[in-house]
Amino acid sequence: MTQVALMNQVVEWVNEAADQIREKLKSPIMVEEKSNRHDLVTNVDKETEAFLVEKIRTNYPDDHILGEEGLGDNLSDTKGRIWVIDPIDGTLNFVKQQENFCIMIGIFEDNVPILGFIYDVVKDEFAYGGAKTGVFLNSQSVNQVENVCLRDGLIGVNGAMFCHNTFNVRDIAIEAVGVRMLGCAGLDFLNVIRGKQNGYISNLAPWDFAAGVALSEPLGLKCSKFDGSPYDILGERQYFLVATQKTYEEIANY
């Protein structure tokens, strides 16, 4: 199967998952705490991941899966094709606002990002594609992102990092025109991909950034751990930066 055919197939799956989520929003949501009251999971997170995992297992039984809600594989290396799934990114927003959340899937092959999918379910904004297919937003091709410097754009940041000035993030963010805290990595990636923000700094798990990396890098954006080292899709949470080249270099030299 070509990457274009694979992309189109996954677009269908994500649209189907989104339809199910919209239907489930009409009923009460069952909410549980994971590590603390800020870290939630719902029946919809679990059911959406189960739906996507079943699609992958049925169609690509030799592939590997890394999923936020634990339905994937225990991976020790990045060989082969790995699907990195966040069934609902921004679960706290999902519970409290019933908006400002995304479905995210990143597909890597031998540790190289090949396809990414980020769908803002409520706003119906769907970015998908990769280096070989091109990147699309609701079927329209997305152009290379303008190489804006830090002072000329908006920067998205993690709220806790900003409050505690972790790695001087507050000082860096104040250099931008404005600061945005959305509580959803997928939305921040969408804004950077569309040129509405020139960067995003956060503390992310692999399922929070895998899709965004696959979409950002083909558009001329730079992604890495905050210290400049390569991101790790099998690692724990990692301080992460995606930005235009100019903004990235300014932050690195701050």
C-alpha atoms as a PDB file:
ATOM      1  CA  MET A   1       0.000   0.000   0.000  1.00  0.00           C
ATOM      2  CA  THR A   2       1.313   3.453  -0.883  1.00  0.00           C
ATOM      3  CA  GLN A   3       1.601   6.162   1.750  1.00  0.00           C
ATOM      4  CA  VAL A   4      -1.179   8.118   0.005  1.00  0.00           C
ATOM      5  CA  ALA A   5      -3.515   5.111   0.220  1.00  0.00           C
ATOM      6  CA  LEU A   6      -2.564   4.554   3.862  1.00  0.00           C
ATOM      7  CA  MET A   7      -3.161   8.229   4.611  1.00  0.00           C
ATOM      8  CA  ASN A   8      -6.611   8.139   3.037  1.00  0.00           C
ATOM      9  CA  GLN A   9      -7.519   4.981   4.930  1.00  0.00           C
ATOM     10  CA  VAL A  10      -6.532   6.477   8.289  1.00  0.00           C
ATOM     11  CA  VAL A  11      -8.424   9.682   7.483  1.00  0.00           C
ATOM     12  CA  GLU A  12     -11.553   7.532   7.145  1.00  0.00           C
ATOM     13  CA  TRP A  13     -10.862   5.824  10.488  1.00  0.00           C
ATOM     14  CA  VAL A  14     -10.314   9.117  12.294  1.00  0.00           C
ATOM     15  CA  ASN A  15     -13.485  10.607  10.826  1.00  0.00           C
ATOM     16  CA  GLU A  16     -15.407   7.547  11.991  1.00  0.00           C
ATOM     17  CA  ALA A  17     -13.875   7.840  15.483  1.00  0.00           C
ATOM     18  CA  ALA A  18     -14.787  11.526  15.583  1.00  0.00           C
ATOM     19  CA  ASP A  19     -18.414  10.757  14.675  1.00  0.00           C
ATOM     20  CA  GLN A  20     -18.526   8.314  17.587  1.00  0.00           C
ATOM     21  CA  ILE A  21     -17.079  10.909  19.979  1.00  0.00           C
ATOM     22  CA  ARG A  22     -19.625  13.532  18.924  1.00  0.00           C
ATOM     23  CA  GLU A  23     -22.402  11.012  19.565  1.00  0.00           C
ATOM     24  CA  LYS A  24     -20.975  10.086  22.978  1.00  0.00           C
ATOM     25  CA  LEU A  25     -20.886  13.751  23.988  1.00  0.00           C
ATOM     26  CA  LYS A  26     -24.681  13.600  24.062  1.00  0.00           C
ATOM     27  CA  SER A  27     -24.525  11.213  27.046  1.00  0.00           C
ATOM     28  CA  PRO A  28     -22.892  11.510  30.487  1.00  0.00           C
ATOM     29  CA  ILE A  29     -19.127  10.929  30.418  1.00  0.00           C
ATOM     30  CA  MET A  30     -17.492   8.586  32.922  1.00  0.00           C
ATOM     31  CA  VAL A  31     -14.375  10.262  34.338  1.00  0.00           C
ATOM     32  CA  GLU A  32     -11.513   8.736  36.346  1.00  0.00           C
ATOM     33  CA  GLU A  33      -8.352  10.229  37.799  1.00  0.00           C
ATOM     34  CA  LYS A  34      -5.040   8.705  36.729  1.00  0.00           C
ATOM     35  CA  SER A  35      -2.083  10.202  38.617  1.00  0.00           C
ATOM     36  CA  ASN A  36      -3.988  13.190  40.087  1.00  0.00           C
ATOM     37  CA  ARG A  37      -7.041  15.416  39.616  1.00  0.00           C
ATOM     38  CA  HIS A  38      -5.357  17.206  36.705  1.00  0.00           C
ATOM     39  CA  ASP A  39      -4.685  13.917  34.896  1.00  0.00           C
ATOM     40  CA  LEU A  40      -8.006  12.448  33.782  1.00  0.00           C
ATOM     41  CA  VAL A  41      -9.207   9.636  31.583  1.00  0.00           C
ATOM     42  CA  THR A  42     -12.752   8.975  30.384  1.00  0.00           C
ATOM     43  CA  ASN A  43     -14.666   6.081  28.910  1.00  0.00           C
ATOM     44  CA  VAL A  44     -14.459   7.940  25.594  1.00  0.00           C
ATOM     45  CA  ASP A  45     -10.632   7.994  25.662  1.00  0.00           C
ATOM     46  CA  LYS A  46     -10.575   4.245  26.254  1.00  0.00           C
ATOM     47  CA  GLU A  47     -13.290   3.414  23.719  1.00  0.00           C
ATOM     48  CA  THR A  48     -11.711   5.586  21.029  1.00  0.00           C
ATOM     49  CA  GLU A  49      -8.298   4.003  21.522  1.00  0.00           C
ATOM     50  CA  ALA A  50      -9.891   0.535  21.406  1.00  0.00           C
ATOM     51  CA  PHE A  51     -11.634   1.419  18.130  1.00  0.00           C
ATOM     52  CA  LEU A  52      -8.414   2.647  16.497  1.00  0.00           C
ATOM     53  CA  VAL A  53      -6.333  -0.255  17.801  1.00  0.00           C
ATOM     54  CA  GLU A  54      -8.868  -2.740  16.412  1.00  0.00           C
ATOM     55  CA  LYS A  55      -8.634  -1.096  12.983  1.00  0.00           C
ATOM     56  CA  ILE A  56      -4.840  -1.291  13.005  1.00  0.00           C
ATOM     57  CA  ARG A  57      -4.678  -4.859  14.345  1.00  0.00           C
ATOM     58  CA  THR A  58      -7.168  -6.061  11.737  1.00  0.00           C
ATOM     59  CA  ASN A  59      -5.558  -4.365   8.754  1.00  0.00           C
ATOM     60  CA  TYR A  60      -1.875  -4.360   9.751  1.00  0.00           C
ATOM     61  CA  PRO A  61      -1.281  -7.228  12.198  1.00  0.00           C
ATOM     62  CA  ASP A  62       2.511  -6.982  11.880  1.00  0.00           C
ATOM     63  CA  ASP A  63       2.623  -3.323  12.901  1.00  0.00           C
ATOM     64  CA  HIS A  64       3.266  -2.085  16.434  1.00  0.00           C
ATOM     65  CA  ILE A  65       1.186   0.303  18.540  1.00  0.00           C
ATOM     66  CA  LEU A  66       1.998   2.783  21.275  1.00  0.00           C
ATOM     67  CA  GLY A  67      -1.198   4.101  22.874  1.00  0.00           C
ATOM     68  CA  GLU A  68      -1.773   6.486  25.757  1.00  0.00           C
ATOM     69  CA  GLU A  69      -4.417   4.293  27.376  1.00  0.00           C
ATOM     70  CA  GLY A  70      -2.302   1.141  27.394  1.00  0.00           C
ATOM     71  CA  LEU A  71      -3.860  -0.919  24.606  1.00  0.00           C
ATOM     72  CA  GLY A  72      -0.664  -1.023  22.553  1.00  0.00           C
ATOM     73  CA  ASP A  73       2.529  -3.045  22.727  1.00  0.00           C
ATOM     74  CA  ASN A  74       5.496  -3.082  25.093  1.00  0.00           C
ATOM     75  CA  LEU A  75       8.135  -1.784  22.692  1.00  0.00           C
ATOM     76  CA  SER A  76      11.873  -2.086  23.187  1.00  0.00           C
ATOM     77  CA  ASP A  77      13.017  -0.643  19.863  1.00  0.00           C
ATOM     78  CA  THR A  78      11.761   1.466  16.951  1.00  0.00           C
ATOM     79  CA  LYS A  79      12.148  -1.106  14.176  1.00  0.00           C
ATOM     80  CA  GLY A  80       9.273  -1.534  11.760  1.00  0.00           C
ATOM     81  CA  ARG A  81       6.113   0.529  11.635  1.00  0.00           C
ATOM     82  CA  ILE A  82       4.816   2.018  14.861  1.00  0.00           C
ATOM     83  CA  TRP A  83       1.465   3.770  15.323  1.00  0.00           C
ATOM     84  CA  VAL A  84       1.462   6.306  18.180  1.00  0.00           C
ATOM     85  CA  ILE A  85      -2.089   7.060  19.321  1.00  0.00           C
ATOM     86  CA  ASP A  86      -3.607   9.747  21.528  1.00  0.00           C
ATOM     87  CA  PRO A  87      -7.352   9.023  21.331  1.00  0.00           C
ATOM     88  CA  ILE A  88      -8.275  12.310  23.017  1.00  0.00           C
ATOM     89  CA  ASP A  89      -5.529  14.860  23.454  1.00  0.00           C
ATOM     90  CA  GLY A  90      -6.690  17.490  25.909  1.00  0.00           C
ATOM     91  CA  THR A  91      -8.837  15.243  28.093  1.00  0.00           C
ATOM     92  CA  LEU A  92      -9.193  17.922  30.780  1.00  0.00           C
ATOM     93  CA  ASN A  93     -10.632  20.273  28.134  1.00  0.00           C
ATOM     94  CA  PHE A  94     -12.835  17.442  26.887  1.00  0.00           C
ATOM     95  CA  VAL A  95     -14.272  16.910  30.380  1.00  0.00           C
ATOM     96  CA  LYS A  96     -14.598  20.547  31.455  1.00  0.00           C
ATOM     97  CA  GLN A  97     -15.335  22.302  28.143  1.00  0.00           C
ATOM     98  CA  GLN A  98     -16.412  19.536  25.747  1.00  0.00           C
ATOM     99  CA  GLU A  99     -14.241  21.237  23.135  1.00  0.00           C
ATOM    100  CA  ASN A 100     -10.566  22.111  22.518  1.00  0.00           C
ATOM    101  CA  PHE A 101      -9.435  18.493  22.197  1.00  0.00           C
ATOM    102  CA  CYS A 102      -8.058  16.418  19.326  1.00  0.00           C
ATOM    103  CA  ILE A 103      -7.631  12.890  18.027  1.00  0.00           C
ATOM    104  CA  MET A 104      -3.955  12.328  17.177  1.00  0.00           C
ATOM    105  CA  ILE A 105      -2.113   9.537  15.367  1.00  0.00           C
ATOM    106  CA  GLY A 106       1.535   9.533  14.330  1.00  0.00           C
ATOM    107  CA  ILE A 107       2.980   6.762  12.171  1.00  0.00           C
ATOM    108  CA  PHE A 108       6.728   6.076  12.270  1.00  0.00           C
ATOM    109  CA  GLU A 109       8.743   3.630  10.195  1.00  0.00           C
ATOM    110  CA  ASP A 110      12.167   2.626  11.547  1.00  0.00           C
ATOM    111  CA  ASN A 111      12.039   5.728  13.767  1.00  0.00           C
ATOM    112  CA  VAL A 112      11.249   8.063  10.858  1.00  0.00           C
ATOM    113  CA  PRO A 113       7.910   9.956  10.953  1.00  0.00           C
ATOM    114  CA  ILE A 114       5.951   9.177   7.797  1.00  0.00           C
ATOM    115  CA  LEU A 115       2.373  10.311   8.508  1.00  0.00           C
ATOM    116  CA  GLY A 116       0.558  12.415  11.077  1.00  0.00           C
ATOM    117  CA  PHE A 117      -3.121  13.066  11.815  1.00  0.00           C
ATOM    118  CA  ILE A 118      -4.528  15.760  14.124  1.00  0.00           C
ATOM    119  CA  TYR A 119      -8.285  16.295  14.178  1.00  0.00           C
ATOM    120  CA  ASP A 120      -9.984  19.030  16.197  1.00  0.00           C
ATOM    121  CA  VAL A 121     -13.275  17.182  16.538  1.00  0.00           C
ATOM    122  CA  VAL A 122     -15.539  20.090  17.526  1.00  0.00           C
ATOM    123  CA  LYS A 123     -14.149  22.681  15.093  1.00  0.00           C
ATOM    124  CA  ASP A 124     -13.861  20.053  12.332  1.00  0.00           C
ATOM    125  CA  GLU A 125     -10.274  21.023  11.496  1.00  0.00           C
ATOM    126  CA  PHE A 126      -8.266  18.048  10.273  1.00  0.00           C
ATOM    127  CA  ALA A 127      -4.553  18.205   9.458  1.00  0.00           C
ATOM    128  CA  TYR A 128      -2.989  15.091   7.972  1.00  0.00           C
ATOM    129  CA  GLY A 129      -0.161  13.941   5.731  1.00  0.00           C
ATOM    130  CA  GLY A 130       3.610  13.705   5.799  1.00  0.00           C
ATOM    131  CA  ALA A 131       6.868  14.286   3.965  1.00  0.00           C
ATOM    132  CA  LYS A 132       6.050  12.112   0.931  1.00  0.00           C
ATOM    133  CA  THR A 133       2.309  12.809   0.658  1.00  0.00           C
ATOM    134  CA  GLY A 134       2.303  16.507   1.442  1.00  0.00           C
ATOM    135  CA  VAL A 135       0.430  18.033   4.370  1.00  0.00           C
ATOM    136  CA  PHE A 136      -3.258  18.904   4.137  1.00  0.00           C
ATOM    137  CA  LEU A 137      -5.784  20.819   6.211  1.00  0.00           C
ATOM    138  CA  ASN A 138      -9.354  19.799   5.380  1.00  0.00           C
ATOM    139  CA  SER A 139      -8.213  18.579   1.928  1.00  0.00           C
ATOM    140  CA  GLN A 140      -6.326  21.805   1.140  1.00  0.00           C
ATOM    141  CA  SER A 141      -2.557  21.619   0.722  1.00  0.00           C
ATOM    142  CA  VAL A 142      -0.581  23.402   3.457  1.00  0.00           C
ATOM    143  CA  ASN A 143       2.384  25.523   2.365  1.00  0.00           C
ATOM    144  CA  GLN A 144       5.758  25.824   4.063  1.00  0.00           C
ATOM    145  CA  VAL A 145       5.445  27.840   7.264  1.00  0.00           C
ATOM    146  CA  GLU A 146       6.865  31.366   7.166  1.00  0.00           C
ATOM    147  CA  ASN A 147      10.164  31.517   9.058  1.00  0.00           C
ATOM    148  CA  VAL A 148       9.123  34.020  11.740  1.00  0.00           C
ATOM    149  CA  CYS A 149      11.440  35.078  14.551  1.00  0.00           C
ATOM    150  CA  LEU A 150      10.440  34.947  18.224  1.00  0.00           C
ATOM    151  CA  ARG A 151       9.537  38.615  18.667  1.00  0.00           C
ATOM    152  CA  ASP A 152       7.235  38.671  15.622  1.00  0.00           C
ATOM    153  CA  GLY A 153       4.817  35.905  16.561  1.00  0.00           C
ATOM    154  CA  LEU A 154       2.827  34.101  19.220  1.00  0.00           C
ATOM    155  CA  ILE A 155       4.345  31.310  21.300  1.00  0.00           C
ATOM    156  CA  GLY A 156       2.413  28.443  22.864  1.00  0.00           C
ATOM    157  CA  VAL A 157       3.660  27.217  26.229  1.00  0.00           C
ATOM    158  CA  ASN A 158       2.895  24.681  28.916  1.00  0.00           C
ATOM    159  CA  GLY A 159       1.156  26.396  31.834  1.00  0.00           C
ATOM    160  CA  ALA A 160       3.240  24.800  34.593  1.00  0.00           C
ATOM    161  CA  MET A 161       6.501  25.538  32.773  1.00  0.00           C
ATOM    162  CA  PHE A 162       5.448  29.170  32.366  1.00  0.00           C
ATOM    163  CA  CYS A 163       4.372  29.582  35.993  1.00  0.00           C
ATOM    164  CA  HIS A 164       7.588  28.078  37.369  1.00  0.00           C
ATOM    165  CA  ASN A 165       9.796  29.610  34.646  1.00  0.00           C
ATOM    166  CA  THR A 166      11.178  26.150  33.883  1.00  0.00           C
ATOM    167  CA  PHE A 167      14.246  26.499  31.633  1.00  0.00           C
ATOM    168  CA  ASN A 168      13.499  30.256  31.521  1.00  0.00           C
ATOM    169  CA  VAL A 169      10.342  29.539  29.508  1.00  0.00           C
ATOM    170  CA  ARG A 170       8.503  32.515  30.969  1.00  0.00           C
ATOM    171  CA  ASP A 171      11.357  34.845  30.073  1.00  0.00           C
ATOM    172  CA  ILE A 172      11.513  33.388  26.561  1.00  0.00           C
ATOM    173  CA  ALA A 173       7.745  33.610  26.032  1.00  0.00           C
ATOM    174  CA  ILE A 174       7.597  37.244  27.111  1.00  0.00           C
ATOM    175  CA  GLU A 175       9.912  38.060  24.184  1.00  0.00           C
ATOM    176  CA  ALA A 176       7.145  36.995  21.785  1.00  0.00           C
ATOM    177  CA  VAL A 177       4.225  39.219  20.786  1.00  0.00           C
ATOM    178  CA  GLY A 178       1.955  37.106  22.984  1.00  0.00           C
ATOM    179  CA  VAL A 179       1.682  33.844  24.906  1.00  0.00           C
ATOM    180  CA  ARG A 180      -0.940  31.134  24.424  1.00  0.00           C
ATOM    181  CA  MET A 181      -1.819  28.248  26.790  1.00  0.00           C
ATOM    182  CA  LEU A 182      -4.356  25.908  25.204  1.00  0.00           C
ATOM    183  CA  GLY A 183      -4.101  22.750  27.302  1.00  0.00           C
ATOM    184  CA  CYS A 184      -3.962  20.598  24.191  1.00  0.00           C
ATOM    185  CA  ALA A 185      -0.761  19.776  22.317  1.00  0.00           C
ATOM    186  CA  GLY A 186      -2.708  18.974  19.161  1.00  0.00           C
ATOM    187  CA  LEU A 187      -4.203  22.469  19.005  1.00  0.00           C
ATOM    188  CA  ASP A 188      -0.798  24.060  19.525  1.00  0.00           C
ATOM    189  CA  PHE A 189       0.676  21.929  16.740  1.00  0.00           C
ATOM    190  CA  LEU A 190      -2.232  22.896  14.484  1.00  0.00           C
ATOM    191  CA  ASN A 191      -1.544  26.570  15.156  1.00  0.00           C
ATOM    192  CA  VAL A 192       2.168  26.208  14.426  1.00  0.00           C
ATOM    193  CA  ILE A 193       1.478  24.206  11.248  1.00  0.00           C
ATOM    194  CA  ARG A 194      -0.931  26.904  10.033  1.00  0.00           C
ATOM    195  CA  GLY A 195       1.501  29.717  10.866  1.00  0.00           C
ATOM    196  CA  LYS A 196      -0.730  31.117  13.604  1.00  0.00           C
ATOM    197  CA  GLN A 197       1.994  30.507  16.234  1.00  0.00           C
ATOM    198  CA  ASN A 198       5.710  30.447  15.594  1.00  0.00           C
ATOM    199  CA  GLY A 199       6.463  27.895  18.298  1.00  0.00           C
ATOM    200  CA  TYR A 200       5.271  25.645  21.105  1.00  0.00           C
ATOM    201  CA  ILE A 201       7.116  24.578  24.267  1.00  0.00           C
ATOM    202  CA  SER A 202       5.773  21.874  26.562  1.00  0.00           C
ATOM    203  CA  ASN A 203       6.389  18.696  28.546  1.00  0.00           C
ATOM    204  CA  LEU A 204       5.055  15.946  26.298  1.00  0.00           C
ATOM    205  CA  ALA A 205       4.689  12.185  26.125  1.00  0.00           C
ATOM    206  CA  PRO A 206       5.332  10.526  22.724  1.00  0.00           C
ATOM    207  CA  TRP A 207       1.609  10.340  21.898  1.00  0.00           C
ATOM    208  CA  ASP A 208       1.419  14.105  22.474  1.00  0.00           C
ATOM    209  CA  PHE A 209       4.020  14.937  19.821  1.00  0.00           C
ATOM    210  CA  ALA A 210       4.285  12.026  17.340  1.00  0.00           C
ATOM    211  CA  ALA A 211       1.527  13.262  15.016  1.00  0.00           C
ATOM    212  CA  GLY A 212       2.738  16.850  15.263  1.00  0.00           C
ATOM    213  CA  VAL A 213       6.297  15.928  14.354  1.00  0.00           C
ATOM    214  CA  ALA A 214       5.166  14.075  11.208  1.00  0.00           C
ATOM    215  CA  LEU A 215       3.185  17.146  10.118  1.00  0.00           C
ATOM    216  CA  SER A 216       5.602  19.875  11.219  1.00  0.00           C
ATOM    217  CA  GLU A 217       8.942  18.753   9.845  1.00  0.00           C
ATOM    218  CA  PRO A 218       7.814  18.613   6.171  1.00  0.00           C
ATOM    219  CA  LEU A 219       6.710  22.256   6.507  1.00  0.00           C
ATOM    220  CA  GLY A 220      10.166  23.497   7.505  1.00  0.00           C
ATOM    221  CA  LEU A 221       9.567  23.488  11.259  1.00  0.00           C
ATOM    222  CA  LYS A 222      12.143  22.111  13.678  1.00  0.00           C
ATOM    223  CA  CYS A 223      11.253  19.625  16.432  1.00  0.00           C
ATOM    224  CA  SER A 224      13.420  18.293  19.264  1.00  0.00           C
ATOM    225  CA  LYS A 225      13.691  17.979  22.984  1.00  0.00           C
ATOM    226  CA  PHE A 226      14.048  21.395  24.578  1.00  0.00           C
ATOM    227  CA  ASP A 227      17.783  20.849  25.070  1.00  0.00           C
ATOM    228  CA  GLY A 228      18.240  20.253  21.341  1.00  0.00           C
ATOM    229  CA  SER A 229      18.644  16.470  21.529  1.00  0.00           C
ATOM    230  CA  PRO A 230      16.436  14.216  19.363  1.00  0.00           C
ATOM    231  CA  TYR A 231      12.914  13.438  20.564  1.00  0.00           C
ATOM    232  CA  ASP A 232      12.306   9.833  21.617  1.00  0.00           C
ATOM    233  CA  ILE A 233       9.037   8.129  20.701  1.00  0.00           C
ATOM    234  CA  LEU A 234       9.733   5.333  23.195  1.00  0.00           C
ATOM    235  CA  GLY A 235      10.739   7.654  26.023  1.00  0.00           C
ATOM    236  CA  GLU A 236       8.878   9.070  28.982  1.00  0.00           C
ATOM    237  CA  ARG A 237       7.651  12.650  29.091  1.00  0.00           C
ATOM    238  CA  GLN A 238      10.205  15.018  27.608  1.00  0.00           C
ATOM    239  CA  TYR A 239      10.545  18.790  27.456  1.00  0.00           C
ATOM    240  CA  PHE A 240       9.744  19.489  23.827  1.00  0.00           C
ATOM    241  CA  LEU A 241      10.078  22.346  21.335  1.00  0.00           C
ATOM    242  CA  VAL A 242       8.607  22.839  17.864  1.00  0.00           C
ATOM    243  CA  ALA A 243       9.232  26.157  16.143  1.00  0.00           C
ATOM    244  CA  THR A 244      10.221  27.957  12.991  1.00  0.00           C
ATOM    245  CA  GLN A 245      13.943  27.788  12.329  1.00  0.00           C
ATOM    246  CA  LYS A 246      14.532  31.391  13.455  1.00  0.00           C
ATOM    247  CA  THR A 247      12.478  31.013  16.633  1.00  0.00           C
ATOM    248  CA  TYR A 248      14.110  27.660  17.399  1.00  0.00           C
ATOM    249  CA  GLU A 249      17.592  29.144  17.080  1.00  0.00           C
ATOM    250  CA  GLU A 250      16.689  32.134  19.256  1.00  0.00           C
ATOM    251  CA  ILE A 251      15.296  29.872  21.990  1.00  0.00           C
ATOM    252  CA  ALA A 252      18.320  27.569  21.779  1.00  0.00           C
ATOM    253  CA  ASN A 253      20.638  30.527  22.280  1.00  0.00           C
ATOM    254  CA  TYR A 254      18.588  32.198  24.996  1.00  0.00           C
END
